[in-house]
PDB file of N, CA and C in Angstrom:
ATOM      1  N   MET A   1      90.418 206.181 173.308  1.00  0.00           N
ATOM      2  CA  MET A   1      88.858 205.933 172.841  1.00  0.00           C
ATOM      3  C   MET A   1      88.101 205.037 174.035  1.00  0.00           C
ATOM      4  N   ASP A   2      86.957 205.378 174.452  1.00  0.00           N
ATOM      5  CA  ASP A   2      86.487 204.853 175.624  1.00  0.00           C
ATOM      6  C   ASP A   2      85.585 203.543 175.294  1.00  0.00           C
ATOM      7  N   GLU A   3      84.884 203.085 175.960  1.00  0.00           N
ATOM      8  CA  GLU A   3      84.309 202.093 175.646  1.00  0.00           C
ATOM      9  C   GLU A   3      82.861 202.004 174.837  1.00  0.00           C
ATOM     10  N   LYS A   4      82.473 203.341 175.044  1.00  0.00           N
ATOM     11  CA  LYS A   4      81.358 203.433 174.517  1.00  0.00           C
ATOM     12  C   LYS A   4      81.483 203.743 172.837  1.00  0.00           C
ATOM     13  N   GLY A   5      82.597 204.214 172.499  1.00  0.00           N
ATOM     14  CA  GLY A   5      83.111 204.740 171.637  1.00  0.00           C
ATOM     15  C   GLY A   5      83.292 203.133 170.641  1.00  0.00           C
ATOM     16  N   GLN A   6      84.025 202.306 171.195  1.00  0.00           N
ATOM     17  CA  GLN A   6      84.388 200.887 170.875  1.00  0.00           C
ATOM     18  C   GLN A   6      83.203 200.239 170.216  1.00  0.00           C
ATOM     19  N   THR A   7      82.448 200.203 171.497  1.00  0.00           N
ATOM     20  CA  THR A   7      81.123 199.337 170.845  1.00  0.00           C
ATOM     21  C   THR A   7      80.556 199.733 170.085  1.00  0.00           C
ATOM     22  N   LYS A   8      80.603 201.369 170.068  1.00  0.00           N
ATOM     23  CA  LYS A   8      79.385 201.978 168.984  1.00  0.00           C
ATOM     24  C   LYS A   8      80.037 201.687 167.506  1.00  0.00           C
ATOM     25  N   ASP A   9      80.749 201.347 166.989  1.00  0.00           N
ATOM     26  CA  ASP A   9      81.550 201.292 165.935  1.00  0.00           C
ATOM     27  C   ASP A   9      81.390 199.477 165.670  1.00  0.00           C
ATOM     28  N   SER A  10      81.763 198.684 166.643  1.00  0.00           N
ATOM     29  CA  SER A  10      81.385 197.207 166.203  1.00  0.00           C
ATOM     30  C   SER A  10      80.082 196.973 166.332  1.00  0.00           C
ATOM     31  N   ARG A  11      79.138 197.598 166.508  1.00  0.00           N
ATOM     32  CA  ARG A  11      77.818 196.917 166.416  1.00  0.00           C
ATOM     33  C   ARG A  11      77.680 197.249 165.240  1.00  0.00           C
ATOM     34  N   ASN A  12      77.915 198.362 164.144  1.00  0.00           N
ATOM     35  CA  ASN A  12      77.736 198.219 162.879  1.00  0.00           C
ATOM     36  C   ASN A  12      78.561 197.360 162.038  1.00  0.00           C
ATOM     37  N   MET A  13      79.439 196.645 162.646  1.00  0.00           N
ATOM     38  CA  MET A  13      80.443 195.887 161.631  1.00  0.00           C
ATOM     39  C   MET A  13      79.354 194.821 161.183  1.00  0.00           C
ATOM     40  N   HIS A  14      79.013 194.282 161.979  1.00  0.00           N
ATOM     41  CA  HIS A  14      78.016 193.166 161.315  1.00  0.00           C
ATOM     42  C   HIS A  14      77.200 193.305 159.914  1.00  0.00           C
ATOM     43  N   ALA A  15      76.730 194.564 160.357  1.00  0.00           N
ATOM     44  CA  ALA A  15      75.564 194.947 159.031  1.00  0.00           C
ATOM     45  C   ALA A  15      76.426 195.397 157.860  1.00  0.00           C
ATOM     46  N   ILE A  16      77.668 195.924 157.885  1.00  0.00           N
ATOM     47  CA  ILE A  16      78.897 196.112 156.927  1.00  0.00           C
ATOM     48  C   ILE A  16      79.055 194.826 156.216  1.00  0.00           C
ATOM     49  N   ILE A  17      79.365 193.610 157.664  1.00  0.00           N
ATOM     50  CA  ILE A  17      79.966 192.320 156.417  1.00  0.00           C
ATOM     51  C   ILE A  17      78.350 191.885 155.950  1.00  0.00           C
ATOM     52  N   LEU A  18      77.190 191.677 156.403  1.00  0.00           N
ATOM     53  CA  LEU A  18      76.324 191.283 155.720  1.00  0.00           C
ATOM     54  C   LEU A  18      76.342 192.082 154.154  1.00  0.00           C
ATOM     55  N   ALA A  19      76.351 193.526 154.520  1.00  0.00           N
ATOM     56  CA  ALA A  19      76.147 193.754 153.281  1.00  0.00           C
ATOM     57  C   ALA A  19      77.158 193.966 152.241  1.00  0.00           C
ATOM     58  N   VAL A  20      78.572 193.799 152.756  1.00  0.00           N
ATOM     59  CA  VAL A  20      79.355 193.245 151.500  1.00  0.00           C
ATOM     60  C   VAL A  20      79.227 192.138 150.708  1.00  0.00           C
ATOM     61  N   LEU A  21      78.692 191.191 151.967  1.00  0.00           N
ATOM     62  CA  LEU A  21      78.335 189.712 151.193  1.00  0.00           C
ATOM     63  C   LEU A  21      77.429 189.771 150.327  1.00  0.00           C
ATOM     64  N   GLY A  22      76.233 190.518 150.529  1.00  0.00           N
ATOM     65  CA  GLY A  22      74.911 190.273 149.611  1.00  0.00           C
ATOM     66  C   GLY A  22      75.458 191.059 148.412  1.00  0.00           C
ATOM     67  N   ILE A  23      76.196 192.107 148.330  1.00  0.00           N
ATOM     68  CA  ILE A  23      76.263 192.539 147.253  1.00  0.00           C
ATOM     69  C   ILE A  23      77.434 191.831 146.193  1.00  0.00           C
ATOM     70  N   ILE A  24      78.228 191.225 146.704  1.00  0.00           N
ATOM     71  CA  ILE A  24      78.915 190.140 146.174  1.00  0.00           C
ATOM     72  C   ILE A  24      77.716 189.217 145.539  1.00  0.00           C
ATOM     73  N   LEU A  25      77.186 188.294 146.338  1.00  0.00           N
ATOM     74  CA  LEU A  25      76.667 187.478 145.631  1.00  0.00           C
ATOM     75  C   LEU A  25      75.484 187.784 144.686  1.00  0.00           C
ATOM     76  N   VAL A  26      75.053 189.063 144.989  1.00  0.00           N
ATOM     77  CA  VAL A  26      73.976 189.755 143.872  1.00  0.00           C
ATOM     78  C   VAL A  26      75.014 189.845 142.556  1.00  0.00           C
ATOM     79  N   ILE A  27      76.223 190.206 142.804  1.00  0.00           N
ATOM     80  CA  ILE A  27      76.970 190.298 141.534  1.00  0.00           C
ATOM     81  C   ILE A  27      77.550 189.203 140.710  1.00  0.00           C
ATOM     82  N   ILE A  28      77.628 188.001 141.725  1.00  0.00           N
ATOM     83  CA  ILE A  28      78.150 186.608 141.292  1.00  0.00           C
ATOM     84  C   ILE A  28      76.609 186.309 140.222  1.00  0.00           C
ATOM     85  N   GLY A  29      75.477 186.353 141.361  1.00  0.00           N
ATOM     86  CA  GLY A  29      74.323 185.791 140.780  1.00  0.00           C
ATOM     87  C   GLY A  29      74.175 186.305 139.564  1.00  0.00           C
ATOM     88  N   GLU A  30      73.834 187.629 139.297  1.00  0.00           N
ATOM     89  CA  GLU A  30      73.759 188.639 138.054  1.00  0.00           C
ATOM     90  C   GLU A  30      74.643 187.951 136.694  1.00  0.00           C
ATOM     91  N   ALA A  31      75.900 187.668 137.272  1.00  0.00           N
ATOM     92  CA  ALA A  31      77.233 187.436 136.155  1.00  0.00           C
ATOM     93  C   ALA A  31      76.525 186.032 135.559  1.00  0.00           C
ATOM     94  N   ILE A  32      76.349 185.080 136.504  1.00  0.00           N
ATOM     95  CA  ILE A  32      76.121 183.727 136.342  1.00  0.00           C
ATOM     96  C   ILE A  32      74.689 183.755 135.067  1.00  0.00           C
ATOM     97  N   ILE A  33      73.659 184.739 135.572  1.00  0.00           N
ATOM     98  CA  ILE A  33      72.579 184.575 134.520  1.00  0.00           C
ATOM     99  C   ILE A  33      72.599 185.475 133.681  1.00  0.00           C
ATOM    100  N   ASN A  34      73.401 186.457 133.630  1.00  0.00           N
ATOM    101  CA  ASN A  34      73.688 187.112 132.014  1.00  0.00           C
ATOM    102  C   ASN A  34      74.568 187.167 131.287  1.00  0.00           C
ATOM    103  N   ILE A  35      75.579 186.328 131.928  1.00  0.00           N
ATOM    104  CA  ILE A  35      76.692 185.842 130.919  1.00  0.00           C
ATOM    105  C   ILE A  35      76.623 184.908 129.705  1.00  0.00           C
ATOM    106  N   PRO A  36      76.462 184.908 128.598  1.00  0.00           N
ATOM    107  CA  PRO A  36      76.330 183.635 127.955  1.00  0.00           C
ATOM    108  C   PRO A  36      77.493 182.671 128.210  1.00  0.00           C
ATOM    109  N   HIS A  37      77.122 181.697 127.712  1.00  0.00           N
ATOM    110  CA  HIS A  37      78.138 180.630 128.229  1.00  0.00           C
ATOM    111  C   HIS A  37      78.825 180.282 129.318  1.00  0.00           C
ATOM    112  N   ALA A  38      78.202 180.958 130.339  1.00  0.00           N
ATOM    113  CA  ALA A  38      78.916 180.959 131.571  1.00  0.00           C
ATOM    114  C   ALA A  38      78.554 179.210 132.321  1.00  0.00           C
ATOM    115  N   PRO A  39      79.910 178.719 132.750  1.00  0.00           N
ATOM    116  CA  PRO A  39      79.994 177.560 133.441  1.00  0.00           C
ATOM    117  C   PRO A  39      78.612 176.976 133.822  1.00  0.00           C
ATOM    118  N   MET A  40      78.160 178.010 135.043  1.00  0.00           N
ATOM    119  CA  MET A  40      76.965 177.204 135.832  1.00  0.00           C
ATOM    120  C   MET A  40      75.561 177.662 135.414  1.00  0.00           C
ATOM    121  N   ARG A  41      75.469 178.388 134.198  1.00  0.00           N
ATOM    122  CA  ARG A  41      74.281 179.072 133.508  1.00  0.00           C
ATOM    123  C   ARG A  41      73.267 177.866 133.235  1.00  0.00           C
ATOM    124  N   GLY A  42      72.067 177.602 133.927  1.00  0.00           N
ATOM    125  CA  GLY A  42      71.062 176.967 133.767  1.00  0.00           C
ATOM    126  C   GLY A  42      71.099 176.038 134.644  1.00  0.00           C
ATOM    127  N   SER A  43      71.848 176.331 136.077  1.00  0.00           N
ATOM    128  CA  SER A  43      71.871 175.208 136.615  1.00  0.00           C
ATOM    129  C   SER A  43      70.924 175.637 137.912  1.00  0.00           C
ATOM    130  N   GLY A  44      70.376 177.073 138.103  1.00  0.00           N
ATOM    131  CA  GLY A  44      69.833 177.380 139.084  1.00  0.00           C
ATOM    132  C   GLY A  44      70.484 178.019 140.283  1.00  0.00           C
ATOM    133  N   LEU A  45      72.027 178.227 140.100  1.00  0.00           N
ATOM    134  CA  LEU A  45      72.619 178.740 141.026  1.00  0.00           C
ATOM    135  C   LEU A  45      72.731 179.955 140.761  1.00  0.00           C
ATOM    136  N   GLY A  46      72.649 181.035 139.606  1.00  0.00           N
ATOM    137  CA  GLY A  46      72.267 182.475 139.422  1.00  0.00           C
ATOM    138  C   GLY A  46      71.365 182.479 140.528  1.00  0.00           C
ATOM    139  N   PRO A  47      70.212 182.059 139.988  1.00  0.00           N
ATOM    140  CA  PRO A  47      68.888 182.697 140.858  1.00  0.00           C
ATOM    141  C   PRO A  47      69.357 182.870 142.292  1.00  0.00           C
ATOM    142  N   ILE A  48      69.517 181.854 142.678  1.00  0.00           N
ATOM    143  CA  ILE A  48      69.820 181.352 144.258  1.00  0.00           C
ATOM    144  C   ILE A  48      70.581 182.107 144.862  1.00  0.00           C
ATOM    145  N   LEU A  49      71.729 182.481 144.023  1.00  0.00           N
ATOM    146  CA  LEU A  49      72.613 183.497 144.773  1.00  0.00           C
ATOM    147  C   LEU A  49      72.165 184.828 144.501  1.00  0.00           C
ATOM    148  N   PHE A  50      71.832 185.271 143.564  1.00  0.00           N
ATOM    149  CA  PHE A  50      70.982 186.656 143.747  1.00  0.00           C
ATOM    150  C   PHE A  50      69.784 187.094 144.499  1.00  0.00           C
ATOM    151  N   VAL A  51      69.123 185.964 144.740  1.00  0.00           N
ATOM    152  CA  VAL A  51      68.064 185.938 145.764  1.00  0.00           C
ATOM    153  C   VAL A  51      68.949 186.235 147.021  1.00  0.00           C
ATOM    154  N   THR A  52      69.525 185.463 147.465  1.00  0.00           N
ATOM    155  CA  THR A  52      70.186 185.403 148.941  1.00  0.00           C
ATOM    156  C   THR A  52      70.988 186.591 149.097  1.00  0.00           C
ATOM    157  N   GLY A  53      71.475 187.209 148.163  1.00  0.00           N
ATOM    158  CA  GLY A  53      72.242 188.514 147.939  1.00  0.00           C
ATOM    159  C   GLY A  53      71.626 189.491 148.418  1.00  0.00           C
ATOM    160  N   VAL A  54      70.272 189.561 147.680  1.00  0.00           N
ATOM    161  CA  VAL A  54      69.177 190.600 147.886  1.00  0.00           C
ATOM    162  C   VAL A  54      68.754 190.158 149.592  1.00  0.00           C
ATOM    163  N   ILE A  55      68.295 189.028 150.096  1.00  0.00           N
ATOM    164  CA  ILE A  55      68.112 188.954 151.630  1.00  0.00           C
ATOM    165  C   ILE A  55      68.983 189.333 152.563  1.00  0.00           C
ATOM    166  N   LEU A  56      70.506 189.381 152.023  1.00  0.00           N
ATOM    167  CA  LEU A  56      71.407 189.681 152.976  1.00  0.00           C
ATOM    168  C   LEU A  56      71.119 190.890 153.039  1.00  0.00           C
ATOM    169  N   LEU A  57      71.439 191.637 152.166  1.00  0.00           N
ATOM    170  CA  LEU A  57      71.269 192.869 151.728  1.00  0.00           C
ATOM    171  C   LEU A  57      69.993 193.618 152.723  1.00  0.00           C
ATOM    172  N   ILE A  58      68.966 193.461 152.701  1.00  0.00           N
ATOM    173  CA  ILE A  58      67.720 193.836 153.320  1.00  0.00           C
ATOM    174  C   ILE A  58      68.009 193.355 154.822  1.00  0.00           C
ATOM    175  N   ILE A  59      68.387 192.267 155.152  1.00  0.00           N
ATOM    176  CA  ILE A  59      69.239 192.125 156.467  1.00  0.00           C
ATOM    177  C   ILE A  59      69.569 192.754 157.138  1.00  0.00           C
ATOM    178  N   ALA A  60      71.212 193.422 156.235  1.00  0.00           N
ATOM    179  CA  ALA A  60      72.120 194.589 156.638  1.00  0.00           C
ATOM    180  C   ALA A  60      71.418 195.665 157.251  1.00  0.00           C
ATOM    181  N   VAL A  61      70.245 196.060 156.156  1.00  0.00           N
ATOM    182  CA  VAL A  61      69.719 197.457 156.321  1.00  0.00           C
ATOM    183  C   VAL A  61      69.082 197.403 157.289  1.00  0.00           C
ATOM    184  N   LEU A  62      68.225 196.590 157.658  1.00  0.00           N
ATOM    185  CA  LEU A  62      67.217 196.365 158.804  1.00  0.00           C
ATOM    186  C   LEU A  62      68.280 196.246 160.156  1.00  0.00           C
ATOM    187  N   ARG A  63      69.121 195.633 160.245  1.00  0.00           N
ATOM    188  CA  ARG A  63      70.375 195.227 161.566  1.00  0.00           C
ATOM    189  C   ARG A  63      70.811 196.940 161.516  1.00  0.00           C
ATOM    190  N   PHE A  64      71.070 197.616 160.552  1.00  0.00           N
ATOM    191  CA  PHE A  64      71.777 198.767 160.487  1.00  0.00           C
ATOM    192  C   PHE A  64      70.823 200.207 161.033  1.00  0.00           C
ATOM    193  N   MET A  65      69.727 200.062 160.610  1.00  0.00           N
ATOM    194  CA  MET A  65      68.504 200.818 161.189  1.00  0.00           C
ATOM    195  C   MET A  65      68.225 200.455 162.505  1.00  0.00           C
ATOM    196  N   TYR A  66      68.203 199.429 162.684  1.00  0.00           N
ATOM    197  CA  TYR A  66      67.747 198.917 164.445  1.00  0.00           C
ATOM    198  C   TYR A  66      69.118 199.484 165.042  1.00  0.00           C
ATOM    199  N   LYS A  67      70.589 199.103 164.791  1.00  0.00           N
ATOM    200  CA  LYS A  67      71.398 199.418 165.666  1.00  0.00           C
ATOM    201  C   LYS A  67      71.946 200.769 165.917  1.00  0.00           C
ATOM    202  N   ARG A  68      70.877 201.720 164.596  1.00  0.00           N
ATOM    203  CA  ARG A  68      71.035 203.172 164.782  1.00  0.00           C
ATOM    204  C   ARG A  68      70.387 204.074 166.097  1.00  0.00           C
ATOM    205  N   LYS A  69      69.422 203.204 166.653  1.00  0.00           N
ATOM    206  CA  LYS A  69      68.505 203.836 167.651  1.00  0.00           C
ATOM    207  C   LYS A  69      69.136 204.112 168.914  1.00  0.00           C
TER     208      LYS A  69
END
Protein backbone atom coordinates (compact mmCIF):
# COMPACT_ATOMS: atom_id res chain seq x y z
CA MET A 1 0.00 0.00 0.00
CA ASP A 2 1.40 3.38 -0.93
CA GLU A 3 1.53 6.43 1.34
CA LYS A 4 -1.48 8.15 -0.24
CA GLY A 5 -3.67 5.13 0.42
CA GLN A 6 -2.65 5.03 4.07
CA THR A 7 -3.23 8.74 4.73
CA LYS A 8 -6.54 8.72 2.90
CA ASP A 9 -7.95 6.07 5.25
CA SER A 10 -6.58 7.66 8.42
CA ARG A 11 -8.12 11.06 7.59
CA ASN A 12 -11.62 9.64 7.94
CA MET A 13 -10.72 7.83 11.15
CA HIS A 14 -11.28 11.00 13.22
CA ALA A 15 -14.75 11.45 11.75
CA ILE A 16 -15.60 7.79 12.40
CA ILE A 17 -14.44 8.02 16.02
CA LEU A 18 -16.46 11.20 16.57
CA ALA A 19 -19.53 9.58 15.01
CA VAL A 20 -19.26 6.48 17.19
CA LEU A 21 -18.83 8.57 20.34
CA GLY A 22 -21.77 10.75 19.29
CA ILE A 23 -24.03 7.75 18.74
CA ILE A 24 -23.07 6.28 22.12
CA LEU A 25 -23.75 9.58 23.90
CA VAL A 26 -27.11 10.00 22.15
CA ILE A 27 -28.17 6.48 23.15
CA ILE A 28 -27.09 6.94 26.78
CA GLY A 29 -28.75 10.36 26.94
CA GLU A 30 -32.01 9.01 25.54
CA ALA A 31 -31.89 6.10 27.97
CA ILE A 32 -31.47 8.43 30.93
CA ILE A 33 -34.28 10.68 29.70
CA ASN A 34 -36.82 7.98 28.81
CA ILE A 35 -36.31 5.05 31.20
CA PRO A 36 -38.51 5.41 34.27
CA HIS A 37 -36.68 5.23 37.61
CA ALA A 38 -33.26 5.58 35.96
CA PRO A 39 -30.66 6.54 38.59
CA MET A 40 -29.61 9.79 36.91
CA ARG A 41 -33.09 10.82 35.74
CA GLY A 42 -33.89 14.40 36.69
CA SER A 43 -30.26 15.36 37.18
CA GLY A 44 -29.91 17.08 33.81
CA LEU A 45 -27.28 14.61 32.66
CA GLY A 46 -29.55 13.00 30.04
CA PRO A 47 -30.21 16.16 28.03
CA ILE A 48 -26.56 17.22 28.33
CA LEU A 49 -25.37 13.86 26.97
CA PHE A 50 -27.98 13.93 24.21
CA VAL A 51 -27.02 17.44 23.05
CA THR A 52 -23.30 16.63 23.26
CA GLY A 53 -23.85 13.49 21.16
CA VAL A 54 -25.77 15.42 18.51
CA ILE A 55 -23.02 18.06 18.36
CA LEU A 56 -20.38 15.34 17.94
CA LEU A 57 -22.42 13.76 15.14
CA ILE A 58 -22.71 17.11 13.35
CA ILE A 59 -18.96 17.70 13.69
CA ALA A 60 -18.28 14.17 12.39
CA VAL A 61 -20.48 14.68 9.34
CA LEU A 62 -18.91 18.05 8.57
CA ARG A 63 -15.41 16.65 9.03
CA PHE A 64 -16.19 13.64 6.84
CA MET A 65 -17.61 15.86 4.08
CA TYR A 66 -14.67 18.27 4.32
CA LYS A 67 -12.12 15.46 4.08
CA ARG A 68 -13.90 13.98 1.04
CA LYS A 69 -12.93 16.91 -1.17
